Amino acid sequence: MATALTFTASPAPAAAAESSASVEDRTVRLTAFPVVEIQRLAQDVPQEILRRSGFDAVAPAFEGALRDARTPAAAARTVERHGTALWKRAVDRAQGRGPDGGDLNRNDDRPLYWARLGMILELRQWQPEFTLSEEARTRLLGKLERSSRGQDALTFADKKNTKKSAKKLKRIVVTGFDPFTLDTDVRISNPSGATALALDGTVIRTAEGPALVKAAVFPVRWQDFADGTVEQTLRRPLAQADLFATVSQGRVGRIDVERFNGAWRGGFPDNEGAEFTGPVPVRDPATQPQWTTTSLPYGAITAAATGPFPVYDNTSVTEIPAGGTTAVVRPNGPTPGSEARLGGGGNYLSNEIAYRATLLRDRLGLDIPGGHIHTPVLRFGAGNTSPWTGTVTDPVFEQNRADIIAQVRTIIQVAIEAS
């Protein structure tokens, strides 16, 4: 039986704390690293978030474990074990299990994000005793990404093998995202990622019986989506699920159930600073529709009292009409033969995960409710809005995130009962 991992850093015999030389070395490595997303780790805010959550010991522990991996097989086991442990630790912390590890609020999704980047840095720079090709290192990085995001564990027991007493258990898939727009404010949290952590493995009691939620988070990177990470992760669980909801952060002060999703990328920079504009790249583009549609029960969701934020059935899109050349806003959805330019959720990765998940639903021939929920923007309290002088958290920020998590949970409950 595998031994549970702990992340208490092991100090060198001559010192109880990390030396200033090693801190300086790590800073140099970060600032010189040729990946923008990892370079941000050198800033004070990410280091404070890691320290105040106890997740600052994750990357050093992983680096030590890599040093002990003497073969490719041992390296693969180490990566999977530590990646899975990071996801479990983040879920446990969000759901009130295990030690706090610091004074940062438990519903915070940011420790997971920054700790994962620290692990990625160690794995990218690791020089093992055996020969490790770049292709093999890339496979290990993929394993680390999937395991630390909950993607490898996003599965349910086969319905055919389910015991009779548990046949009424509903299966719900929820996805969230990493923080993004970090160059605007590196303190940013993503309530969709926090929601995924809060709900993963939980059971929601509904009028239709209990519903088990399995959740995962996705990167805010165009290339990962082009490489098929959504389809690879969701293909099996959607085939097992009774309902799915992709979740992301949307507008200020409101929740939107996005009715239509468009097959267009708008080019906004991702977490690596990359920009892509053009059709959403999918397998078999010859059969690719310009639009997909939610099958969530939006009428029931918008009519229910689910929490403090107003909930809207958002039907607005932007299209180039059939035979036209100029983009037009359509408040009531796309017209026949039009080309997508903005889905209800825009043309960034929120729209794209909604498009890909609902297209996968349709291509698999699944008759289940599913679609996208846009949460309110998570905001800091008054007097703490400056990215340069503000603190990493405050009571308004924490309560706002807790309210969003609770309301999304209730929306899912309503969707199950209405379906």
Protein backbone atom coordinates (compact mmCIF):
# COMPACT_ATOMS: atom_id res chain seq x y z
CA MET A 1 0.00 0.00 0.00
CA ALA A 2 1.35 3.44 -0.95
CA THR A 3 2.54 5.64 1.86
CA ALA A 4 0.80 9.01 2.25
CA LEU A 5 3.04 11.91 1.33
CA THR A 6 3.83 14.78 3.65
CA PHE A 7 5.35 18.06 2.57
CA THR A 8 7.42 19.07 5.57
CA ALA A 9 10.69 20.36 4.22
CA SER A 10 13.75 18.52 5.45
CA PRO A 11 16.40 21.07 6.44
CA ALA A 12 20.05 20.42 5.87
CA PRO A 13 21.87 19.19 8.99
CA ALA A 14 23.78 22.44 9.36
CA ALA A 15 20.75 24.70 9.16
CA ALA A 16 17.13 24.66 10.27
CA ALA A 17 16.03 27.06 7.55
CA GLU A 18 16.80 27.57 3.91
CA SER A 19 20.00 29.52 3.47
CA SER A 20 20.03 32.93 1.86
CA ALA A 21 22.31 31.47 -0.83
CA SER A 22 19.74 28.83 -1.78
CA VAL A 23 16.92 31.41 -1.81
CA GLU A 24 19.04 33.61 -4.09
CA ASP A 25 19.81 30.63 -6.34
CA ARG A 26 16.11 29.81 -6.67
CA THR A 27 15.30 33.43 -7.52
CA VAL A 28 17.97 33.45 -10.22
CA ARG A 29 16.64 30.20 -11.65
CA LEU A 30 13.10 31.59 -11.75
CA THR A 31 13.85 34.94 -13.31
CA ALA A 32 16.11 33.35 -15.94
CA PHE A 33 13.66 30.58 -16.82
CA PRO A 34 12.28 30.99 -20.38
CA VAL A 35 8.60 30.43 -19.44
CA VAL A 36 6.60 33.50 -18.41
CA GLU A 37 4.19 31.54 -16.23
CA ILE A 38 7.05 30.16 -14.14
CA GLN A 39 8.96 33.44 -13.98
CA ARG A 40 6.11 34.98 -11.98
CA LEU A 41 6.97 32.65 -9.11
CA ALA A 42 9.91 34.92 -8.28
CA GLN A 43 7.55 37.71 -7.24
CA ASP A 44 6.77 38.36 -3.59
CA VAL A 45 3.02 37.64 -3.80
CA PRO A 46 3.27 34.01 -5.02
CA GLN A 47 5.92 33.31 -2.38
CA GLU A 48 3.70 34.80 0.33
CA ILE A 49 0.73 32.71 -0.82
CA LEU A 50 2.84 29.56 -0.72
CA ARG A 51 4.30 30.40 2.69
CA ARG A 52 0.97 31.34 4.27
CA SER A 53 -0.66 28.11 3.07
CA GLY A 54 2.20 25.76 3.92
CA PHE A 55 2.53 24.84 0.24
CA ASP A 56 6.03 26.34 0.10
CA ALA A 57 7.40 22.91 1.06
CA VAL A 58 5.82 21.14 -1.94
CA ALA A 59 8.40 21.92 -4.63
CA PRO A 60 11.46 21.29 -2.40
CA ALA A 61 10.02 17.92 -1.33
CA PHE A 62 9.38 17.02 -4.96
CA GLU A 63 12.91 18.05 -5.94
CA GLY A 64 14.32 15.78 -3.23
CA ALA A 65 12.18 12.87 -4.40
CA LEU A 66 13.37 13.37 -7.98
CA ARG A 67 16.97 13.14 -6.83
CA ASP A 68 16.18 9.68 -5.44
CA ALA A 69 14.61 8.46 -8.71
CA ARG A 70 17.28 6.27 -10.33
CA THR A 71 15.32 4.92 -13.30
CA PRO A 72 12.71 6.22 -15.77
CA ALA A 73 10.07 4.03 -14.13
CA ALA A 74 10.91 5.42 -10.69
CA ALA A 75 10.72 8.94 -12.09
CA ALA A 76 7.26 8.30 -13.52
CA ARG A 77 6.05 6.91 -10.19
CA THR A 78 7.52 9.88 -8.32
CA VAL A 79 5.86 12.41 -10.61
CA GLU A 80 2.46 10.73 -10.44
CA ARG A 81 2.63 10.23 -6.66
CA HIS A 82 3.57 13.83 -5.90
CA GLY A 83 1.17 15.29 -8.46
CA THR A 84 -1.73 13.28 -7.07
CA ALA A 85 -0.74 14.21 -3.52
CA LEU A 86 -0.75 17.91 -4.39
CA TRP A 87 -4.27 17.71 -5.80
CA LYS A 88 -5.50 15.73 -2.80
CA ARG A 89 -3.87 18.14 -0.38
CA ALA A 90 -5.50 21.12 -2.10
CA VAL A 91 -8.92 19.41 -2.07
CA ASP A 92 -8.55 18.39 1.58
CA ARG A 93 -7.55 21.91 2.56
CA ALA A 94 -10.49 23.44 0.69
CA GLN A 95 -12.89 21.01 2.36
CA GLY A 96 -11.54 21.52 5.89
CA ARG A 97 -9.51 18.33 6.26
CA GLY A 98 -5.93 18.09 7.42
CA PRO A 99 -3.74 20.79 8.94
CA ASP A 100 -4.17 24.40 7.87
CA GLY A 101 -0.47 24.86 7.21
CA GLY A 102 -0.86 28.62 7.54
CA ASP A 103 -3.30 31.47 8.00
CA LEU A 104 -4.51 31.75 4.39
CA ASN A 105 -8.21 31.03 3.99
CA ARG A 106 -8.94 27.37 3.25
CA ASN A 107 -11.14 28.04 0.20
CA ASP A 108 -8.17 29.61 -1.63
CA ASP A 109 -7.26 28.02 -4.97
CA ARG A 110 -3.97 29.90 -5.41
CA PRO A 111 -1.66 27.62 -3.36
CA LEU A 112 -2.39 24.76 -5.76
CA TYR A 113 -1.55 26.88 -8.78
CA TRP A 114 1.73 28.29 -7.50
CA ALA A 115 2.88 25.01 -5.94
CA ARG A 116 2.29 23.20 -9.23
CA LEU A 117 4.42 25.76 -11.06
CA GLY A 118 7.20 25.21 -8.52
CA MET A 119 7.06 21.48 -9.22
CA ILE A 120 7.10 22.08 -12.96
CA LEU A 121 10.23 24.21 -12.57
CA GLU A 122 11.98 21.41 -10.66
CA LEU A 123 11.00 18.80 -13.22
CA ARG A 124 12.05 20.95 -16.16
CA GLN A 125 15.50 21.59 -14.66
CA TRP A 126 16.09 18.12 -13.19
CA GLN A 127 19.20 16.36 -14.48
CA PRO A 128 18.91 12.67 -13.53
CA GLU A 129 21.72 10.14 -13.47
CA PHE A 130 20.13 8.30 -16.40
CA THR A 131 19.56 9.69 -19.90
CA LEU A 132 16.31 11.61 -20.11
CA SER A 133 15.27 12.73 -23.58
CA GLU A 134 13.20 15.87 -24.06
CA GLU A 135 10.35 13.69 -25.28
CA ALA A 136 10.47 11.66 -22.07
CA ARG A 137 10.64 14.83 -19.96
CA THR A 138 7.59 16.19 -21.82
CA ARG A 139 5.69 13.00 -20.97
CA LEU A 140 6.60 13.41 -17.29
CA LEU A 141 5.45 17.04 -17.39
CA GLY A 142 2.15 15.93 -18.87
CA LYS A 143 1.75 13.36 -16.12
CA LEU A 144 2.47 16.03 -13.51
CA GLU A 145 -0.05 18.43 -15.03
CA ARG A 146 -2.82 15.83 -15.23
CA SER A 147 -2.32 14.32 -11.79
CA SER A 148 -2.00 17.66 -9.97
CA ARG A 149 -5.14 19.01 -11.66
CA GLY A 150 -7.40 16.11 -10.68
CA GLN A 151 -7.74 15.12 -14.33
CA ASP A 152 -6.43 11.57 -13.93
CA ALA A 153 -8.89 10.97 -11.10
CA LEU A 154 -11.87 12.41 -12.98
CA THR A 155 -13.75 9.14 -13.36
CA PHE A 156 -16.63 7.21 -11.84
CA ALA A 157 -17.29 3.56 -11.17
CA ASP A 158 -18.60 1.81 -14.26
CA LYS A 159 -22.39 1.95 -14.18
CA LYS A 160 -22.57 -1.69 -15.25
CA ASN A 161 -20.64 -2.69 -12.13
CA THR A 162 -22.49 -0.41 -9.73
CA LYS A 163 -24.19 -2.21 -6.85
CA LYS A 164 -27.98 -2.25 -6.91
CA SER A 165 -28.22 -0.16 -3.74
CA ALA A 166 -26.25 2.67 -5.37
CA LYS A 167 -27.92 2.73 -8.79
CA LYS A 168 -29.66 6.06 -8.11
CA LEU A 169 -26.42 7.89 -7.42
CA LYS A 170 -26.09 10.74 -9.92
CA ARG A 171 -22.68 11.48 -11.41
CA ILE A 172 -21.72 15.10 -11.93
CA VAL A 173 -18.62 16.50 -13.70
CA VAL A 174 -17.43 20.01 -12.81
CA THR A 175 -14.40 21.81 -14.21
CA GLY A 176 -12.64 25.03 -13.21
CA PHE A 177 -9.63 27.08 -14.29
CA ASP A 178 -6.31 28.37 -13.00
CA PRO A 179 -5.98 32.05 -12.07
CA PHE A 180 -5.30 34.27 -15.08
CA THR A 181 -4.53 37.90 -16.07
CA LEU A 182 -1.72 37.65 -13.54
CA ASP A 183 0.28 40.42 -15.18
CA THR A 184 -2.57 42.77 -14.31
CA ASP A 185 -2.69 41.61 -10.69
CA VAL A 186 -0.56 38.68 -9.56
CA ARG A 187 -2.78 38.31 -6.46
CA ILE A 188 -5.68 37.04 -8.57
CA SER A 189 -7.65 33.95 -7.54
CA ASN A 190 -10.13 32.11 -9.77
CA PRO A 191 -13.46 31.22 -8.13
CA SER A 192 -14.03 28.44 -10.66
CA GLY A 193 -10.85 26.69 -9.53
CA ALA A 194 -11.86 27.22 -5.91
CA THR A 195 -15.27 25.72 -6.71
CA ALA A 196 -13.67 22.64 -8.25
CA LEU A 197 -11.58 22.10 -5.11
CA ALA A 198 -14.56 22.64 -2.83
CA LEU A 199 -16.81 20.19 -4.70
CA ASP A 200 -14.48 17.39 -5.78
CA GLY A 201 -15.57 14.11 -4.23
CA THR A 202 -18.52 15.64 -2.39
CA VAL A 203 -22.10 14.41 -2.48
CA ILE A 204 -24.93 16.87 -3.13
CA ARG A 205 -28.28 15.84 -1.67
CA THR A 206 -31.11 16.51 -4.11
CA ALA A 207 -34.78 15.67 -4.50
CA GLU A 208 -33.66 13.17 -7.14
CA GLY A 209 -31.27 11.45 -4.74
CA PRO A 210 -27.58 11.88 -3.95
CA ALA A 211 -25.20 13.23 -6.58
CA LEU A 212 -21.46 12.59 -6.53
CA VAL A 213 -19.33 15.42 -7.92
CA LYS A 214 -15.94 14.82 -9.50
CA ALA A 215 -13.95 17.90 -10.48
CA ALA A 216 -10.74 19.00 -12.17
CA VAL A 217 -9.06 22.24 -13.21
CA PHE A 218 -7.63 23.28 -16.56
CA PRO A 219 -4.75 25.55 -17.55
CA VAL A 220 -5.30 28.97 -19.10
CA ARG A 221 -3.14 28.14 -22.12
CA TRP A 222 -4.26 28.09 -25.73
CA GLN A 223 -1.83 25.37 -26.80
CA ASP A 224 -3.04 22.84 -24.22
CA PHE A 225 -6.55 23.17 -25.63
CA ALA A 226 -5.30 22.82 -29.21
CA ASP A 227 -3.47 19.66 -28.09
CA GLY A 228 -6.79 18.16 -26.98
CA THR A 229 -6.53 18.31 -23.18
CA VAL A 230 -10.27 18.94 -22.79
CA GLU A 231 -11.33 16.00 -24.94
CA GLN A 232 -8.70 13.66 -23.48
CA THR A 233 -9.78 14.52 -19.94
CA LEU A 234 -13.56 14.58 -20.41
CA ARG A 235 -14.25 11.81 -22.92
CA ARG A 236 -14.63 9.00 -20.39
CA PRO A 237 -16.23 10.91 -17.48
CA LEU A 238 -18.86 12.54 -19.73
CA ALA A 239 -19.82 9.09 -20.99
CA GLN A 240 -20.37 8.10 -17.35
CA ALA A 241 -22.00 11.34 -16.18
CA ASP A 242 -25.58 12.41 -15.64
CA LEU A 243 -24.72 16.14 -15.86
CA PHE A 244 -21.67 18.33 -16.45
CA ALA A 245 -20.85 21.98 -15.87
CA THR A 246 -17.75 23.77 -17.08
CA VAL A 247 -17.21 26.80 -14.84
CA SER A 248 -15.11 29.93 -15.23
CA GLN A 249 -14.93 33.53 -14.04
CA GLY A 250 -17.03 35.96 -16.09
CA ARG A 251 -18.60 39.32 -15.41
CA VAL A 252 -18.79 41.56 -12.36
CA GLY A 253 -21.68 40.94 -10.00
CA ARG A 254 -23.60 38.30 -11.99
CA ILE A 255 -23.74 34.65 -12.98
CA ASP A 256 -24.43 33.64 -16.58
CA VAL A 257 -25.61 30.34 -17.95
CA GLU A 258 -24.14 30.60 -21.45
CA ARG A 259 -26.68 29.41 -24.02
CA PHE A 260 -24.44 29.39 -27.11
CA ASN A 261 -20.74 28.65 -27.59
CA GLY A 262 -18.79 29.74 -30.65
CA ALA A 263 -16.01 28.10 -32.68
CA TRP A 264 -13.73 31.14 -32.63
CA ARG A 265 -10.60 32.19 -30.71
CA GLY A 266 -10.25 35.91 -30.08
CA GLY A 267 -6.52 36.03 -29.35
CA PHE A 268 -6.44 37.40 -25.79
CA PRO A 269 -3.05 36.53 -24.21
CA ASP A 270 -2.99 33.40 -22.07
CA ASN A 271 -0.91 32.69 -18.97
CA GLU A 272 2.18 32.16 -21.12
CA GLY A 273 1.58 35.37 -23.07
CA ALA A 274 0.60 33.43 -26.19
CA GLU A 275 -2.12 34.77 -28.52
CA PHE A 276 -4.17 32.80 -31.05
CA THR A 277 -6.89 34.16 -33.31
CA GLY A 278 -8.93 31.97 -35.62
CA PRO A 279 -11.23 28.94 -35.60
CA VAL A 280 -11.16 26.67 -32.56
CA PRO A 281 -8.87 23.80 -33.65
CA VAL A 282 -10.58 20.43 -33.32
CA ARG A 283 -10.30 16.95 -34.77
CA ASP A 284 -12.28 16.56 -37.99
CA PRO A 285 -12.78 20.27 -38.69
CA ALA A 286 -14.85 19.38 -41.77
CA THR A 287 -17.74 18.44 -39.48
CA GLN A 288 -17.13 21.24 -36.98
CA PRO A 289 -20.23 23.33 -36.22
CA GLN A 290 -19.94 27.08 -35.75
CA TRP A 291 -22.12 26.93 -32.66
CA THR A 292 -22.96 24.51 -29.87
CA THR A 293 -25.76 24.91 -27.35
CA THR A 294 -26.09 24.30 -23.63
CA SER A 295 -28.36 21.50 -22.47
CA LEU A 296 -28.40 22.73 -18.87
CA PRO A 297 -31.94 23.56 -17.67
CA TYR A 298 -31.35 27.32 -17.85
CA GLY A 299 -35.01 28.18 -17.25
CA ALA A 300 -35.10 26.37 -13.93
CA ILE A 301 -31.69 27.70 -12.92
CA THR A 302 -32.53 31.34 -13.59
CA ALA A 303 -35.92 31.03 -11.88
CA ALA A 304 -34.54 29.51 -8.68
CA ALA A 305 -33.29 31.42 -5.63
CA THR A 306 -29.74 30.09 -5.66
CA GLY A 307 -27.79 32.81 -3.83
CA PRO A 308 -26.81 36.47 -3.65
CA PHE A 309 -25.85 36.95 -7.31
CA PRO A 310 -28.44 37.39 -10.09
CA VAL A 311 -28.38 34.56 -12.62
CA TYR A 312 -29.02 35.15 -16.32
CA ASP A 313 -29.76 32.99 -19.35
CA ASN A 314 -27.25 34.68 -21.65
CA THR A 315 -28.25 34.30 -25.30
CA SER A 316 -26.17 37.09 -26.85
CA VAL A 317 -23.54 36.23 -29.47
CA THR A 318 -21.50 38.01 -32.13
CA GLU A 319 -21.53 36.52 -35.62
CA ILE A 320 -20.71 37.19 -39.24
CA PRO A 321 -24.05 36.50 -40.93
CA ALA A 322 -24.23 34.07 -43.84
CA GLY A 323 -22.94 35.88 -46.94
CA GLY A 324 -21.71 38.83 -44.87
CA THR A 325 -18.30 40.23 -43.96
CA THR A 326 -19.03 42.35 -40.89
CA ALA A 327 -19.53 41.07 -37.33
CA VAL A 328 -23.01 41.65 -35.88
CA VAL A 329 -24.26 41.30 -32.30
CA ARG A 330 -27.27 39.02 -31.99
CA PRO A 331 -28.97 39.29 -28.58
CA ASN A 332 -31.09 36.18 -29.17
CA GLY A 333 -28.50 33.78 -30.52
CA PRO A 334 -26.92 32.99 -33.89
CA THR A 335 -28.70 32.99 -37.23
CA PRO A 336 -28.52 30.06 -39.70
CA GLY A 337 -25.26 29.75 -41.60
CA SER A 338 -23.40 32.40 -39.61
CA GLU A 339 -19.74 32.30 -38.55
CA ALA A 340 -18.95 32.62 -34.85
CA ARG A 341 -16.95 35.52 -33.47
CA LEU A 342 -18.18 35.63 -29.86
CA GLY A 343 -20.11 32.98 -27.99
CA GLY A 344 -22.15 33.99 -24.98
CA GLY A 345 -19.01 33.42 -22.95
CA GLY A 346 -16.83 35.46 -25.30
CA ASN A 347 -13.97 34.08 -27.42
CA TYR A 348 -11.40 33.20 -24.78
CA LEU A 349 -10.82 29.83 -23.09
CA SER A 350 -14.08 30.00 -21.12
CA ASN A 351 -15.99 29.91 -24.37
CA GLU A 352 -13.60 27.31 -25.76
CA ILE A 353 -13.99 24.79 -22.94
CA ALA A 354 -17.76 25.19 -23.19
CA TYR A 355 -17.60 24.69 -26.95
CA ARG A 356 -15.31 21.67 -26.71
CA ALA A 357 -17.27 19.98 -23.91
CA THR A 358 -20.64 20.41 -25.59
CA LEU A 359 -19.22 19.38 -28.97
CA LEU A 360 -17.81 16.27 -27.30
CA ARG A 361 -21.26 15.61 -25.80
CA ASP A 362 -22.79 15.80 -29.27
CA ARG A 363 -20.12 13.75 -31.02
CA LEU A 364 -20.45 11.02 -28.39
CA GLY A 365 -24.23 11.08 -28.85
CA LEU A 366 -24.86 11.79 -25.17
CA ASP A 367 -28.30 12.92 -24.06
CA ILE A 368 -27.27 14.62 -20.81
CA PRO A 369 -27.57 18.17 -19.50
CA GLY A 370 -24.35 20.12 -19.73
CA GLY A 371 -22.95 23.53 -20.45
CA HIS A 372 -21.10 26.53 -19.08
CA ILE A 373 -21.59 28.61 -15.94
CA HIS A 374 -19.81 31.97 -15.70
CA THR A 375 -19.27 33.12 -12.11
CA PRO A 376 -18.94 36.73 -10.97
CA VAL A 377 -15.50 38.31 -10.98
CA LEU A 378 -13.82 37.77 -7.62
CA ARG A 379 -12.98 41.15 -6.16
CA PHE A 380 -10.89 42.48 -3.28
CA GLY A 381 -12.42 44.69 -0.62
CA ALA A 382 -12.50 48.48 -0.82
CA GLY A 383 -9.10 49.89 0.05
CA ASN A 384 -7.35 46.71 -1.13
CA THR A 385 -7.69 47.10 -4.89
CA SER A 386 -4.12 48.09 -5.76
CA PRO A 387 -2.04 45.26 -7.26
CA TRP A 388 1.10 47.03 -6.03
CA THR A 389 0.23 47.97 -2.45
CA GLY A 390 -2.71 45.67 -1.64
CA THR A 391 -2.63 42.56 0.54
CA VAL A 392 -3.00 39.05 -0.87
CA THR A 393 -6.36 38.54 0.82
CA ASP A 394 -9.03 40.30 2.88
CA PRO A 395 -12.38 39.39 4.50
CA VAL A 396 -14.47 40.71 1.58
CA PHE A 397 -12.40 38.73 -0.92
CA GLU A 398 -12.75 35.53 1.11
CA GLN A 399 -16.48 35.94 1.70
CA ASN A 400 -17.06 36.75 -1.96
CA ARG A 401 -15.30 33.54 -2.98
CA ALA A 402 -17.24 31.49 -0.43
CA ASP A 403 -20.53 32.96 -1.70
CA ILE A 404 -19.67 32.09 -5.29
CA ILE A 405 -18.74 28.51 -4.38
CA ALA A 406 -21.98 28.05 -2.43
CA GLN A 407 -24.13 29.48 -5.21
CA VAL A 408 -22.56 27.34 -7.94
CA ARG A 409 -23.16 24.30 -5.74
CA THR A 410 -26.84 25.26 -5.41
CA ILE A 411 -27.13 25.88 -9.16
CA ILE A 412 -25.84 22.37 -9.77
CA GLN A 413 -28.37 21.00 -7.29
CA VAL A 414 -31.18 22.84 -9.10
CA ALA A 415 -29.93 21.58 -12.45
CA ILE A 416 -29.94 17.98 -11.23
CA GLU A 417 -33.47 18.27 -9.87
CA ALA A 418 -34.77 19.99 -13.00
CA SER A 419 -33.21 17.42 -15.31
